[in-house]
Amino acid sequence: MNILLVDDTGYIRIILKHVLTAIGFEVVGEASDGQEAVRMYRSLSPDLVIMDITMPQMNGLEAVKSIIGYNPDAKIIMCSAMAQRNSVVSCIKAGAKDFIAKPFEINTVIEVIQRVMEIPIDSKM
């Protein structure tokens, strides 16, 4: 499975990439803002996007709307410290499939990916 990581914080992308590649996924791209995410989504066609909400240029909510407008079947998981109920609801209404609150636990990330992608993941983490 190919994944696009979108977060303006580099160490979050590093942690997620490490976790995802350790369980057999391929991170095909990394973006640090919503505009870059939309461009990369269109060129890479990843199976899954994991995206932050608060970012420069274009926030994650706007990027979700743009990606879903381009591909209504896109699988997007939001991963943000902004886990207030209204933020989560807004993201889901815009088309995100699920939400991971930061700081996250690795097992939670794996469980959410399993649920969204409807696949078993054999994690040795």
PDB file of N, CA and C in Angstrom:
ATOM      1  N   MET A   1       0.841  -1.171   0.000  1.00  0.00           N
ATOM      2  CA  MET A   1       0.000   0.000   0.000  1.00  0.00           C
ATOM      3  C   MET A   1       0.890   1.240   0.000  1.00  0.00           C
ATOM      4  N   ASN A   2       0.535   2.208  -0.831  1.00  0.00           N
ATOM      5  CA  ASN A   2       1.283   3.460  -0.952  1.00  0.00           C
ATOM      6  C   ASN A   2       0.618   4.553  -0.124  1.00  0.00           C
ATOM      7  N   ILE A   3       1.434   5.281   0.642  1.00  0.00           N
ATOM      8  CA  ILE A   3       0.906   6.285   1.551  1.00  0.00           C
ATOM      9  C   ILE A   3       1.583   7.631   1.308  1.00  0.00           C
ATOM     10  N   LEU A   4       0.776   8.700   1.367  1.00  0.00           N
ATOM     11  CA  LEU A   4       1.263  10.073   1.319  1.00  0.00           C
ATOM     12  C   LEU A   4       1.134  10.646   2.725  1.00  0.00           C
ATOM     13  N   LEU A   5       2.247  11.127   3.292  1.00  0.00           N
ATOM     14  CA  LEU A   5       2.251  11.745   4.618  1.00  0.00           C
ATOM     15  C   LEU A   5       2.257  13.261   4.467  1.00  0.00           C
ATOM     16  N   VAL A   6       1.365  13.918   5.219  1.00  0.00           N
ATOM     17  CA  VAL A   6       1.259  15.370   5.126  1.00  0.00           C
ATOM     18  C   VAL A   6       1.247  15.957   6.525  1.00  0.00           C
ATOM     19  N   ASP A   7       2.319  16.660   6.867  1.00  0.00           N
ATOM     20  CA  ASP A   7       2.423  17.315   8.170  1.00  0.00           C
ATOM     21  C   ASP A   7       3.514  18.364   8.061  1.00  0.00           C
ATOM     22  N   ASP A   8       3.292  19.531   8.641  1.00  0.00           N
ATOM     23  CA  ASP A   8       4.306  20.573   8.562  1.00  0.00           C
ATOM     24  C   ASP A   8       5.438  20.363   9.564  1.00  0.00           C
ATOM     25  N   THR A   9       5.301  19.378  10.443  1.00  0.00           N
ATOM     26  CA  THR A   9       6.342  19.059  11.414  1.00  0.00           C
ATOM     27  C   THR A   9       7.124  17.845  10.915  1.00  0.00           C
ATOM     28  N   GLY A  10       8.381  18.086  10.607  1.00  0.00           N
ATOM     29  CA  GLY A  10       9.214  17.040  10.021  1.00  0.00           C
ATOM     30  C   GLY A  10       9.355  15.801  10.875  1.00  0.00           C
ATOM     31  N   TYR A  11       9.497  15.969  12.192  1.00  0.00           N
ATOM     32  CA  TYR A  11       9.711  14.778  13.016  1.00  0.00           C
ATOM     33  C   TYR A  11       8.466  13.897  13.080  1.00  0.00           C
ATOM     34  N   ILE A  12       7.285  14.458  12.919  1.00  0.00           N
ATOM     35  CA  ILE A  12       6.070  13.645  12.864  1.00  0.00           C
ATOM     36  C   ILE A  12       6.096  12.783  11.599  1.00  0.00           C
ATOM     37  N   ARG A  13       6.497  13.386  10.481  1.00  0.00           N
ATOM     38  CA  ARG A  13       6.605  12.603   9.242  1.00  0.00           C
ATOM     39  C   ARG A  13       7.648  11.490   9.397  1.00  0.00           C
ATOM     40  N   ILE A  14       8.765  11.797  10.059  1.00  0.00           N
ATOM     41  CA  ILE A  14       9.821  10.796  10.266  1.00  0.00           C
ATOM     42  C   ILE A  14       9.299   9.628  11.100  1.00  0.00           C
ATOM     43  N   ILE A  15       8.605   9.937  12.196  1.00  0.00           N
ATOM     44  CA  ILE A  15       8.064   8.882  13.067  1.00  0.00           C
ATOM     45  C   ILE A  15       7.062   8.026  12.301  1.00  0.00           C
ATOM     46  N   LEU A  16       6.107   8.672  11.637  1.00  0.00           N
ATOM     47  CA  LEU A  16       5.099   7.924  10.887  1.00  0.00           C
ATOM     48  C   LEU A  16       5.731   7.083   9.781  1.00  0.00           C
ATOM     49  N   LYS A  17       6.683   7.659   9.074  1.00  0.00           N
ATOM     50  CA  LYS A  17       7.338   6.913   7.994  1.00  0.00           C
ATOM     51  C   LYS A  17       8.037   5.679   8.547  1.00  0.00           C
ATOM     52  N   HIS A  18       8.712   5.820   9.666  1.00  0.00           N
ATOM     53  CA  HIS A  18       9.404   4.694  10.292  1.00  0.00           C
ATOM     54  C   HIS A  18       8.411   3.591  10.655  1.00  0.00           C
ATOM     55  N   VAL A  19       7.311   3.970  11.295  1.00  0.00           N
ATOM     56  CA  VAL A  19       6.297   2.998  11.703  1.00  0.00           C
ATOM     57  C   VAL A  19       5.698   2.307  10.483  1.00  0.00           C
ATOM     58  N   LEU A  20       5.317   3.085   9.491  1.00  0.00           N
ATOM     59  CA  LEU A  20       4.634   2.540   8.318  1.00  0.00           C
ATOM     60  C   LEU A  20       5.532   1.625   7.489  1.00  0.00           C
ATOM     61  N   THR A  21       6.771   2.021   7.291  1.00  0.00           N
ATOM     62  CA  THR A  21       7.671   1.173   6.511  1.00  0.00           C
ATOM     63  C   THR A  21       8.031  -0.094   7.285  1.00  0.00           C
ATOM     64  N   ALA A  22       8.082  -0.016   8.618  1.00  0.00           N
ATOM     65  CA  ALA A  22       8.398  -1.191   9.428  1.00  0.00           C
ATOM     66  C   ALA A  22       7.318  -2.260   9.320  1.00  0.00           C
ATOM     67  N   ILE A  23       6.086  -1.861   9.022  1.00  0.00           N
ATOM     68  CA  ILE A  23       5.019  -2.858   8.891  1.00  0.00           C
ATOM     69  C   ILE A  23       4.691  -3.156   7.427  1.00  0.00           C
ATOM     70  N   GLY A  24       5.540  -2.673   6.522  1.00  0.00           N
ATOM     71  CA  GLY A  24       5.434  -3.100   5.135  1.00  0.00           C
ATOM     72  C   GLY A  24       4.790  -2.140   4.157  1.00  0.00           C
ATOM     73  N   PHE A  25       4.462  -0.934   4.591  1.00  0.00           N
ATOM     74  CA  PHE A  25       3.885   0.042   3.668  1.00  0.00           C
ATOM     75  C   PHE A  25       4.983   0.851   3.006  1.00  0.00           C
ATOM     76  N   GLU A  26       4.636   1.475   1.879  1.00  0.00           N
ATOM     77  CA  GLU A  26       5.586   2.338   1.193  1.00  0.00           C
ATOM     78  C   GLU A  26       5.094   3.780   1.280  1.00  0.00           C
ATOM     79  N   VAL A  27       5.932   4.649   1.817  1.00  0.00           N
ATOM     80  CA  VAL A  27       5.620   6.076   1.842  1.00  0.00           C
ATOM     81  C   VAL A  27       6.123   6.640   0.521  1.00  0.00           C
ATOM     82  N   VAL A  28       5.175   7.003  -0.353  1.00  0.00           N
ATOM     83  CA  VAL A  28       5.538   7.442  -1.702  1.00  0.00           C
ATOM     84  C   VAL A  28       5.763   8.948  -1.784  1.00  0.00           C
ATOM     85  N   GLY A  29       5.355   9.668  -0.730  1.00  0.00           N
ATOM     86  CA  GLY A  29       5.547  11.111  -0.749  1.00  0.00           C
ATOM     87  C   GLY A  29       5.329  11.714   0.618  1.00  0.00           C
ATOM     88  N   GLU A  30       5.946  12.885   0.795  1.00  0.00           N
ATOM     89  CA  GLU A  30       5.794  13.651   2.022  1.00  0.00           C
ATOM     90  C   GLU A  30       5.573  15.107   1.643  1.00  0.00           C
ATOM     91  N   ALA A  31       4.561  15.704   2.251  1.00  0.00           N
ATOM     92  CA  ALA A  31       4.258  17.112   2.001  1.00  0.00           C
ATOM     93  C   ALA A  31       4.198  17.857   3.324  1.00  0.00           C
ATOM     94  N   SER A  32       4.533  19.145   3.278  1.00  0.00           N
ATOM     95  CA  SER A  32       4.529  19.935   4.508  1.00  0.00           C
ATOM     96  C   SER A  32       3.412  20.979   4.552  1.00  0.00           C
ATOM     97  N   ASP A  33       2.584  21.024   3.512  1.00  0.00           N
ATOM     98  CA  ASP A  33       1.415  21.906   3.533  1.00  0.00           C
ATOM     99  C   ASP A  33       0.330  21.345   2.618  1.00  0.00           C
ATOM    100  N   GLY A  34      -0.861  21.894   2.750  1.00  0.00           N
ATOM    101  CA  GLY A  34      -2.005  21.380   2.018  1.00  0.00           C
ATOM    102  C   GLY A  34      -1.906  21.518   0.512  1.00  0.00           C
ATOM    103  N   GLN A  35      -1.360  22.627   0.029  1.00  0.00           N
ATOM    104  CA  GLN A  35      -1.217  22.802  -1.420  1.00  0.00           C
ATOM    105  C   GLN A  35      -0.317  21.729  -2.017  1.00  0.00           C
ATOM    106  N   GLU A  36       0.798  21.499  -1.349  1.00  0.00           N
ATOM    107  CA  GLU A  36       1.736  20.472  -1.799  1.00  0.00           C
ATOM    108  C   GLU A  36       1.060  19.094  -1.744  1.00  0.00           C
ATOM    109  N   ALA A  37       0.254  18.863  -0.717  1.00  0.00           N
ATOM    110  CA  ALA A  37      -0.450  17.577  -0.576  1.00  0.00           C
ATOM    111  C   ALA A  37      -1.393  17.327  -1.746  1.00  0.00           C
ATOM    112  N   VAL A  38      -2.150  18.345  -2.128  1.00  0.00           N
ATOM    113  CA  VAL A  38      -3.099  18.198  -3.239  1.00  0.00           C
ATOM    114  C   VAL A  38      -2.339  17.902  -4.532  1.00  0.00           C
ATOM    115  N   ARG A  39      -1.265  18.642  -4.798  1.00  0.00           N
ATOM    116  CA  ARG A  39      -0.453  18.390  -5.994  1.00  0.00           C
ATOM    117  C   ARG A  39       0.112  16.970  -5.994  1.00  0.00           C
ATOM    118  N   MET A  40       0.654  16.566  -4.849  1.00  0.00           N
ATOM    119  CA  MET A  40       1.262  15.239  -4.762  1.00  0.00           C
ATOM    120  C   MET A  40       0.204  14.137  -4.873  1.00  0.00           C
ATOM    121  N   TYR A  41      -0.966  14.361  -4.308  1.00  0.00           N
ATOM    122  CA  TYR A  41      -2.033  13.364  -4.415  1.00  0.00           C
ATOM    123  C   TYR A  41      -2.365  13.127  -5.887  1.00  0.00           C
ATOM    124  N   ARG A  42      -2.500  14.207  -6.635  1.00  0.00           N
ATOM    125  CA  ARG A  42      -2.864  14.084  -8.050  1.00  0.00           C
ATOM    126  C   ARG A  42      -1.780  13.393  -8.870  1.00  0.00           C
ATOM    127  N   SER A  43      -0.532  13.614  -8.528  1.00  0.00           N
ATOM    128  CA  SER A  43       0.538  12.999  -9.317  1.00  0.00           C
ATOM    129  C   SER A  43       0.886  11.585  -8.846  1.00  0.00           C
ATOM    130  N   LEU A  44       0.725  11.289  -7.565  1.00  0.00           N
ATOM    131  CA  LEU A  44       1.137   9.989  -7.038  1.00  0.00           C
ATOM    132  C   LEU A  44      -0.005   8.978  -6.894  1.00  0.00           C
ATOM    133  N   SER A  45      -1.237   9.452  -6.781  1.00  0.00           N
ATOM    134  CA  SER A  45      -2.400   8.582  -6.562  1.00  0.00           C
ATOM    135  C   SER A  45      -2.169   7.558  -5.451  1.00  0.00           C
ATOM    136  N   PRO A  46      -1.843   8.014  -4.246  1.00  0.00           N
ATOM    137  CA  PRO A  46      -1.595   7.064  -3.157  1.00  0.00           C
ATOM    138  C   PRO A  46      -2.876   6.337  -2.735  1.00  0.00           C
ATOM    139  N   ASP A  47      -2.693   5.183  -2.109  1.00  0.00           N
ATOM    140  CA  ASP A  47      -3.828   4.428  -1.585  1.00  0.00           C
ATOM    141  C   ASP A  47      -4.416   5.098  -0.345  1.00  0.00           C
ATOM    142  N   LEU A  48      -3.563   5.815   0.396  1.00  0.00           N
ATOM    143  CA  LEU A  48      -3.959   6.414   1.658  1.00  0.00           C
ATOM    144  C   LEU A  48      -3.188   7.703   1.889  1.00  0.00           C
ATOM    145  N   VAL A  49      -3.861   8.683   2.503  1.00  0.00           N
ATOM    146  CA  VAL A  49      -3.217   9.932   2.919  1.00  0.00           C
ATOM    147  C   VAL A  49      -3.403  10.055   4.424  1.00  0.00           C
ATOM    148  N   ILE A  50      -2.320  10.360   5.117  1.00  0.00           N
ATOM    149  CA  ILE A  50      -2.391  10.687   6.541  1.00  0.00           C
ATOM    150  C   ILE A  50      -1.987  12.145   6.647  1.00  0.00           C
ATOM    151  N   MET A  51      -2.921  12.999   7.161  1.00  0.00           N
ATOM    152  CA  MET A  51      -2.737  14.445   7.054  1.00  0.00           C
ATOM    153  C   MET A  51      -3.056  15.192   8.349  1.00  0.00           C
ATOM    154  N   ASP A  52      -2.235  16.168   8.643  1.00  0.00           N
ATOM    155  CA  ASP A  52      -2.442  17.100   9.752  1.00  0.00           C
ATOM    156  C   ASP A  52      -3.513  18.116   9.360  1.00  0.00           C
ATOM    157  N   ILE A  53      -4.052  18.823  10.339  1.00  0.00           N
ATOM    158  CA  ILE A  53      -5.022  19.885  10.036  1.00  0.00           C
ATOM    159  C   ILE A  53      -4.336  21.239   9.913  1.00  0.00           C
ATOM    160  N   THR A  54      -3.546  21.600  10.920  1.00  0.00           N
ATOM    161  CA  THR A  54      -2.953  22.930  10.961  1.00  0.00           C
ATOM    162  C   THR A  54      -1.633  22.952  10.200  1.00  0.00           C
ATOM    163  N   MET A  55      -1.661  23.632   9.042  1.00  0.00           N
ATOM    164  CA  MET A  55      -0.469  23.731   8.203  1.00  0.00           C
ATOM    165  C   MET A  55      -0.490  25.065   7.465  1.00  0.00           C
ATOM    166  N   PRO A  56       0.668  25.518   7.005  1.00  0.00           N
ATOM    167  CA  PRO A  56       0.706  26.766   6.226  1.00  0.00           C
ATOM    168  C   PRO A  56       0.156  26.569   4.810  1.00  0.00           C
ATOM    169  N   GLN A  57      -0.032  27.646   4.114  1.00  0.00           N
ATOM    170  CA  GLN A  57      -0.495  27.696   2.722  1.00  0.00           C
ATOM    171  C   GLN A  57      -1.954  27.267   2.587  1.00  0.00           C
ATOM    172  N   MET A  58      -2.245  26.008   2.892  1.00  0.00           N
ATOM    173  CA  MET A  58      -3.609  25.473   2.837  1.00  0.00           C
ATOM    174  C   MET A  58      -3.715  24.476   3.986  1.00  0.00           C
ATOM    175  N   ASN A  59      -4.732  24.652   4.833  1.00  0.00           N
ATOM    176  CA  ASN A  59      -4.835  23.731   5.965  1.00  0.00           C
ATOM    177  C   ASN A  59      -5.355  22.363   5.517  1.00  0.00           C
ATOM    178  N   GLY A  60      -5.314  21.415   6.432  1.00  0.00           N
ATOM    179  CA  GLY A  60      -5.699  20.048   6.109  1.00  0.00           C
ATOM    180  C   GLY A  60      -7.155  19.907   5.721  1.00  0.00           C
ATOM    181  N   LEU A  61      -8.035  20.666   6.362  1.00  0.00           N
ATOM    182  CA  LEU A  61      -9.456  20.587   6.029  1.00  0.00           C
ATOM    183  C   LEU A  61      -9.706  21.027   4.588  1.00  0.00           C
ATOM    184  N   GLU A  62      -9.066  22.117   4.178  1.00  0.00           N
ATOM    185  CA  GLU A  62      -9.198  22.579   2.791  1.00  0.00           C
ATOM    186  C   GLU A  62      -8.599  21.560   1.821  1.00  0.00           C
ATOM    187  N   ALA A  63      -7.477  20.960   2.206  1.00  0.00           N
ATOM    188  CA  ALA A  63      -6.835  19.965   1.351  1.00  0.00           C
ATOM    189  C   ALA A  63      -7.712  18.719   1.202  1.00  0.00           C
ATOM    190  N   VAL A  64      -8.367  18.304   2.290  1.00  0.00           N
ATOM    191  CA  VAL A  64      -9.281  17.152   2.207  1.00  0.00           C
ATOM    192  C   VAL A  64     -10.387  17.456   1.208  1.00  0.00           C
ATOM    193  N   LYS A  65     -10.978  18.631   1.309  1.00  0.00           N
ATOM    194  CA  LYS A  65     -12.061  19.001   0.391  1.00  0.00           C
ATOM    195  C   LYS A  65     -11.584  18.986  -1.055  1.00  0.00           C
ATOM    196  N   SER A  66     -10.385  19.479  -1.293  1.00  0.00           N
ATOM    197  CA  SER A  66      -9.840  19.505  -2.649  1.00  0.00           C
ATOM    198  C   SER A  66      -9.565  18.089  -3.168  1.00  0.00           C
ATOM    199  N   ILE A  67      -8.971  17.258  -2.329  1.00  0.00           N
ATOM    200  CA  ILE A  67      -8.660  15.884  -2.746  1.00  0.00           C
ATOM    201  C   ILE A  67      -9.950  15.103  -2.988  1.00  0.00           C
ATOM    202  N   ILE A  68     -10.924  15.234  -2.109  1.00  0.00           N
ATOM    203  CA  ILE A  68     -12.202  14.528  -2.271  1.00  0.00           C
ATOM    204  C   ILE A  68     -12.939  15.046  -3.509  1.00  0.00           C
ATOM    205  N   GLY A  69     -12.806  16.333  -3.810  1.00  0.00           N
ATOM    206  CA  GLY A  69     -13.386  16.880  -5.037  1.00  0.00           C
ATOM    207  C   GLY A  69     -12.769  16.261  -6.278  1.00  0.00           C
ATOM    208  N   TYR A  70     -11.492  15.963  -6.198  1.00  0.00           N
ATOM    209  CA  TYR A  70     -10.765  15.331  -7.302  1.00  0.00           C
ATOM    210  C   TYR A  70     -11.063  13.829  -7.371  1.00  0.00           C
ATOM    211  N   ASN A  71     -11.083  13.185  -6.201  1.00  0.00           N
ATOM    212  CA  ASN A  71     -11.349  11.742  -6.128  1.00  0.00           C
ATOM    213  C   ASN A  71     -12.236  11.451  -4.916  1.00  0.00           C
ATOM    214  N   PRO A  72     -13.531  11.317  -5.131  1.00  0.00           N
ATOM    215  CA  PRO A  72     -14.461  11.072  -4.011  1.00  0.00           C
ATOM    216  C   PRO A  72     -14.170   9.790  -3.228  1.00  0.00           C
ATOM    217  N   ASP A  73     -13.401   8.875  -3.815  1.00  0.00           N
ATOM    218  CA  ASP A  73     -13.070   7.616  -3.131  1.00  0.00           C
ATOM    219  C   ASP A  73     -11.751   7.674  -2.366  1.00  0.00           C
ATOM    220  N   ALA A  74     -11.125   8.832  -2.309  1.00  0.00           N
ATOM    221  CA  ALA A  74      -9.838   8.969  -1.617  1.00  0.00           C
ATOM    222  C   ALA A  74      -9.970   8.554  -0.157  1.00  0.00           C
ATOM    223  N   LYS A  75      -8.951   7.873   0.331  1.00  0.00           N
ATOM    224  CA  LYS A  75      -8.902   7.448   1.731  1.00  0.00           C
ATOM    225  C   LYS A  75      -7.940   8.392   2.463  1.00  0.00           C
ATOM    226  N   ILE A  76      -8.504   9.175   3.388  1.00  0.00           N
ATOM    227  CA  ILE A  76      -7.717  10.160   4.118  1.00  0.00           C
ATOM    228  C   ILE A  76      -7.964   9.981   5.607  1.00  0.00           C
ATOM    229  N   ILE A  77      -6.878   9.910   6.362  1.00  0.00           N
ATOM    230  CA  ILE A  77      -6.939   9.875   7.812  1.00  0.00           C
ATOM    231  C   ILE A  77      -6.310  11.168   8.321  1.00  0.00           C
ATOM    232  N   MET A  78      -7.035  11.891   9.140  1.00  0.00           N
ATOM    233  CA  MET A  78      -6.486  13.103   9.735  1.00  0.00           C
ATOM    234  C   MET A  78      -5.708  12.712  10.988  1.00  0.00           C
ATOM    235  N   CYS A  79      -4.593  13.389  11.224  1.00  0.00           N
ATOM    236  CA  CYS A  79      -3.745  13.121  12.389  1.00  0.00           C
ATOM    237  C   CYS A  79      -3.349  14.481  12.943  1.00  0.00           C
ATOM    238  N   SER A  80      -3.988  14.877  14.053  1.00  0.00           N
ATOM    239  CA  SER A  80      -3.789  16.234  14.534  1.00  0.00           C
ATOM    240  C   SER A  80      -3.930  16.335  16.043  1.00  0.00           C
ATOM    241  N   ALA A  81      -3.268  17.337  16.603  1.00  0.00           N
ATOM    242  CA  ALA A  81      -3.433  17.658  18.019  1.00  0.00           C
ATOM    243  C   ALA A  81      -4.754  18.398  18.235  1.00  0.00           C
ATOM    244  N   MET A  82      -5.342  18.886  17.162  1.00  0.00           N
ATOM    245  CA  MET A  82      -6.635  19.584  17.252  1.00  0.00           C
ATOM    246  C   MET A  82      -7.759  18.546  17.232  1.00  0.00           C
ATOM    247  N   ALA A  83      -7.908  17.843  18.353  1.00  0.00           N
ATOM    248  CA  ALA A  83      -8.868  16.740  18.406  1.00  0.00           C
ATOM    249  C   ALA A  83     -10.181  17.137  19.080  1.00  0.00           C
ATOM    250  N   GLN A  84     -10.489  18.427  19.100  1.00  0.00           N
ATOM    251  CA  GLN A  84     -11.781  18.834  19.634  1.00  0.00           C
ATOM    252  C   GLN A  84     -12.872  18.274  18.738  1.00  0.00           C
ATOM    253  N   ARG A  85     -14.006  18.023  19.337  1.00  0.00           N
ATOM    254  CA  ARG A  85     -15.116  17.388  18.625  1.00  0.00           C
ATOM    255  C   ARG A  85     -15.449  18.098  17.316  1.00  0.00           C
ATOM    256  N   ASN A  86     -15.503  19.436  17.321  1.00  0.00           N
ATOM    257  CA  ASN A  86     -15.884  20.154  16.093  1.00  0.00           C
ATOM    258  C   ASN A  86     -14.846  19.991  14.980  1.00  0.00           C
ATOM    259  N   SER A  87     -13.570  19.894  15.339  1.00  0.00           N
ATOM    260  CA  SER A  87     -12.528  19.670  14.322  1.00  0.00           C
ATOM    261  C   SER A  87     -12.671  18.289  13.693  1.00  0.00           C
ATOM    262  N   VAL A  88     -12.896  17.290  14.534  1.00  0.00           N
ATOM    263  CA  VAL A  88     -13.053  15.924  14.048  1.00  0.00           C
ATOM    264  C   VAL A  88     -14.276  15.831  13.142  1.00  0.00           C
ATOM    265  N   VAL A  89     -15.395  16.381  13.586  1.00  0.00           N
ATOM    266  CA  VAL A  89     -16.639  16.335  12.806  1.00  0.00           C
ATOM    267  C   VAL A  89     -16.459  17.047  11.468  1.00  0.00           C
ATOM    268  N   SER A  90     -15.806  18.201  11.468  1.00  0.00           N
ATOM    269  CA  SER A  90     -15.574  18.944  10.219  1.00  0.00           C
ATOM    270  C   SER A  90     -14.758  18.119   9.231  1.00  0.00           C
ATOM    271  N   CYS A  91     -13.733  17.451   9.725  1.00  0.00           N
ATOM    272  CA  CYS A  91     -12.887  16.629   8.855  1.00  0.00           C
ATOM    273  C   CYS A  91     -13.666  15.450   8.275  1.00  0.00           C
ATOM    274  N   ILE A  92     -14.458  14.797   9.095  1.00  0.00           N
ATOM    275  CA  ILE A  92     -15.242  13.646   8.627  1.00  0.00           C
ATOM    276  C   ILE A  92     -16.291  14.109   7.614  1.00  0.00           C
ATOM    277  N   LYS A  93     -16.943  15.230   7.893  1.00  0.00           N
ATOM    278  CA  LYS A  93     -17.933  15.767   6.952  1.00  0.00           C
ATOM    279  C   LYS A  93     -17.289  16.136   5.621  1.00  0.00           C
ATOM    280  N   ALA A  94     -16.029  16.580   5.658  1.00  0.00           N
ATOM    281  CA  ALA A  94     -15.326  16.959   4.427  1.00  0.00           C
ATOM    282  C   ALA A  94     -14.889  15.747   3.612  1.00  0.00           C
ATOM    283  N   GLY A  95     -14.881  14.563   4.244  1.00  0.00           N
ATOM    284  CA  GLY A  95     -14.522  13.368   3.494  1.00  0.00           C
ATOM    285  C   GLY A  95     -13.437  12.504   4.106  1.00  0.00           C
ATOM    286  N   ALA A  96     -12.812  12.967   5.197  1.00  0.00           N
ATOM    287  CA  ALA A  96     -11.815  12.123   5.856  1.00  0.00           C
ATOM    288  C   ALA A  96     -12.508  10.882   6.406  1.00  0.00           C
ATOM    289  N   LYS A  97     -11.815   9.778   6.391  1.00  0.00           N
ATOM    290  CA  LYS A  97     -12.395   8.504   6.829  1.00  0.00           C
ATOM    291  C   LYS A  97     -12.244   8.260   8.320  1.00  0.00           C
ATOM    292  N   ASP A  98     -11.233   8.880   8.953  1.00  0.00           N
ATOM    293  CA  ASP A  98     -11.018   8.667  10.381  1.00  0.00           C
ATOM    294  C   ASP A  98     -10.099   9.762  10.903  1.00  0.00           C
ATOM    295  N   PHE A  99      -9.810   9.704  12.206  1.00  0.00           N
ATOM    296  CA  PHE A  99      -9.044  10.750  12.869  1.00  0.00           C
ATOM    297  C   PHE A  99      -8.156  10.118  13.935  1.00  0.00           C
ATOM    298  N   ILE A 100      -6.891  10.522  13.954  1.00  0.00           N
ATOM    299  CA  ILE A 100      -5.948  10.092  14.982  1.00  0.00           C
ATOM    300  C   ILE A 100      -5.514  11.344  15.738  1.00  0.00           C
ATOM    301  N   ALA A 101      -5.668  11.310  17.065  1.00  0.00           N
ATOM    302  CA  ALA A 101      -5.262  12.451  17.889  1.00  0.00           C
ATOM    303  C   ALA A 101      -3.777  12.349  18.228  1.00  0.00           C
ATOM    304  N   LYS A 102      -3.090  13.498  18.140  1.00  0.00           N
ATOM    305  CA  LYS A 102      -1.696  13.579  18.580  1.00  0.00           C
ATOM    306  C   LYS A 102      -1.695  14.008  20.044  1.00  0.00           C
ATOM    307  N   PRO A 103      -0.783  13.541  20.837  1.00  0.00           N
ATOM    308  CA  PRO A 103       0.227  12.544  20.496  1.00  0.00           C
ATOM    309  C   PRO A 103      -0.440  11.181  20.326  1.00  0.00           C
ATOM    310  N   PHE A 104       0.051  10.425  19.361  1.00  0.00           N
ATOM    311  CA  PHE A 104      -0.575   9.151  19.046  1.00  0.00           C
ATOM    312  C   PHE A 104       0.268   7.987  19.551  1.00  0.00           C
ATOM    313  N   GLU A 105      -0.389   6.867  19.716  1.00  0.00           N
ATOM    314  CA  GLU A 105       0.299   5.620  20.020  1.00  0.00           C
ATOM    315  C   GLU A 105       0.383   4.833  18.718  1.00  0.00           C
ATOM    316  N   ILE A 106       1.471   4.135  18.524  1.00  0.00           N
ATOM    317  CA  ILE A 106       1.688   3.397  17.286  1.00  0.00           C
ATOM    318  C   ILE A 106       0.559   2.408  17.024  1.00  0.00           C
ATOM    319  N   ASN A 107       0.121   1.710  18.063  1.00  0.00           N
ATOM    320  CA  ASN A 107      -0.959   0.734  17.877  1.00  0.00           C
ATOM    321  C   ASN A 107      -2.242   1.402  17.401  1.00  0.00           C
ATOM    322  N   THR A 108      -2.493   2.618  17.852  1.00  0.00           N
ATOM    323  CA  THR A 108      -3.683   3.347  17.401  1.00  0.00           C
ATOM    324  C   THR A 108      -3.581   3.653  15.915  1.00  0.00           C
ATOM    325  N   VAL A 109      -2.419   4.087  15.467  1.00  0.00           N
ATOM    326  CA  VAL A 109      -2.205   4.372  14.045  1.00  0.00           C
ATOM    327  C   VAL A 109      -2.488   3.112  13.223  1.00  0.00           C
ATOM    328  N   ILE A 110      -1.951   1.996  13.664  1.00  0.00           N
ATOM    329  CA  ILE A 110      -2.139   0.734  12.942  1.00  0.00           C
ATOM    330  C   ILE A 110      -3.610   0.340  12.916  1.00  0.00           C
ATOM    331  N   GLU A 111      -4.297   0.449  14.051  1.00  0.00           N
ATOM    332  CA  GLU A 111      -5.723   0.082  14.124  1.00  0.00           C
ATOM    333  C   GLU A 111      -6.574   0.947  13.204  1.00  0.00           C
ATOM    334  N   VAL A 112      -6.284   2.243  13.155  1.00  0.00           N
ATOM    335  CA  VAL A 112      -7.064   3.145  12.302  1.00  0.00           C
ATOM    336  C   VAL A 112      -6.825   2.815  10.832  1.00  0.00           C
ATOM    337  N   ILE A 113      -5.580   2.561  10.454  1.00  0.00           N
ATOM    338  CA  ILE A 113      -5.288   2.185   9.068  1.00  0.00           C
ATOM    339  C   ILE A 113      -6.018   0.894   8.715  1.00  0.00           C
ATOM    340  N   GLN A 114      -5.986  -0.084   9.604  1.00  0.00           N
ATOM    341  CA  GLN A 114      -6.710  -1.343   9.362  1.00  0.00           C
ATOM    342  C   GLN A 114      -8.193  -1.080   9.114  1.00  0.00           C
ATOM    343  N   ARG A 115      -8.775  -0.264   9.956  1.00  0.00           N
ATOM    344  CA  ARG A 115     -10.207   0.026   9.846  1.00  0.00           C
ATOM    345  C   ARG A 115     -10.535   0.740   8.536  1.00  0.00           C
ATOM    346  N   VAL A 116      -9.760   1.751   8.203  1.00  0.00           N
ATOM    347  CA  VAL A 116     -10.033   2.547   7.006  1.00  0.00           C
ATOM    348  C   VAL A 116      -9.773   1.751   5.732  1.00  0.00           C
ATOM    349  N   MET A 117      -8.696   1.004   5.708  1.00  0.00           N
ATOM    350  CA  MET A 117      -8.320   0.268   4.497  1.00  0.00           C
ATOM    351  C   MET A 117      -8.943  -1.130   4.441  1.00  0.00           C
ATOM    352  N   GLU A 118      -9.564  -1.535   5.548  1.00  0.00           N
ATOM    353  CA  GLU A 118     -10.216  -2.848   5.634  1.00  0.00           C
ATOM    354  C   GLU A 118      -9.249  -3.976   5.308  1.00  0.00           C
ATOM    355  N   ILE A 119      -8.081  -3.905   5.969  1.00  0.00           N
ATOM    356  CA  ILE A 119      -7.052  -4.935   5.771  1.00  0.00           C
ATOM    357  C   ILE A 119      -6.484  -5.370   7.115  1.00  0.00           C
ATOM    358  N   PRO A 120      -6.044  -6.620   7.218  1.00  0.00           N
ATOM    359  CA  PRO A 120      -5.323  -7.034   8.420  1.00  0.00           C
ATOM    360  C   PRO A 120      -3.872  -6.556   8.317  1.00  0.00           C
ATOM    361  N   ILE A 121      -3.325  -6.137   9.420  1.00  0.00           N
ATOM    362  CA  ILE A 121      -1.921  -5.711   9.447  1.00  0.00           C
ATOM    363  C   ILE A 121      -1.222  -6.548  10.497  1.00  0.00           C
ATOM    364  N   ASP A 122      -0.174  -7.236  10.083  1.00  0.00           N
ATOM    365  CA  ASP A 122       0.610  -8.031  11.005  1.00  0.00           C
ATOM    366  C   ASP A 122       1.721  -7.135  11.533  1.00  0.00           C
ATOM    367  N   SER A 123       1.489  -6.562  12.707  1.00  0.00           N
ATOM    368  CA  SER A 123       2.457  -5.652  13.291  1.00  0.00           C
ATOM    369  C   SER A 123       3.299  -6.350  14.347  1.00  0.00           C
ATOM    370  N   LYS A 124       4.580  -6.149  14.262  1.00  0.00           N
ATOM    371  CA  LYS A 124       5.485  -6.690  15.279  1.00  0.00           C
ATOM    372  C   LYS A 124       6.038  -5.556  16.117  1.00  0.00           C
ATOM    373  N   MET A 125       5.308  -4.454  16.214  1.00  0.00           N
ATOM    374  CA  MET A 125       5.776  -3.276  16.927  1.00  0.00           C
ATOM    375  C   MET A 125       5.343  -3.336  18.377  1.00  0.00           C
TER     376      MET A 125
END
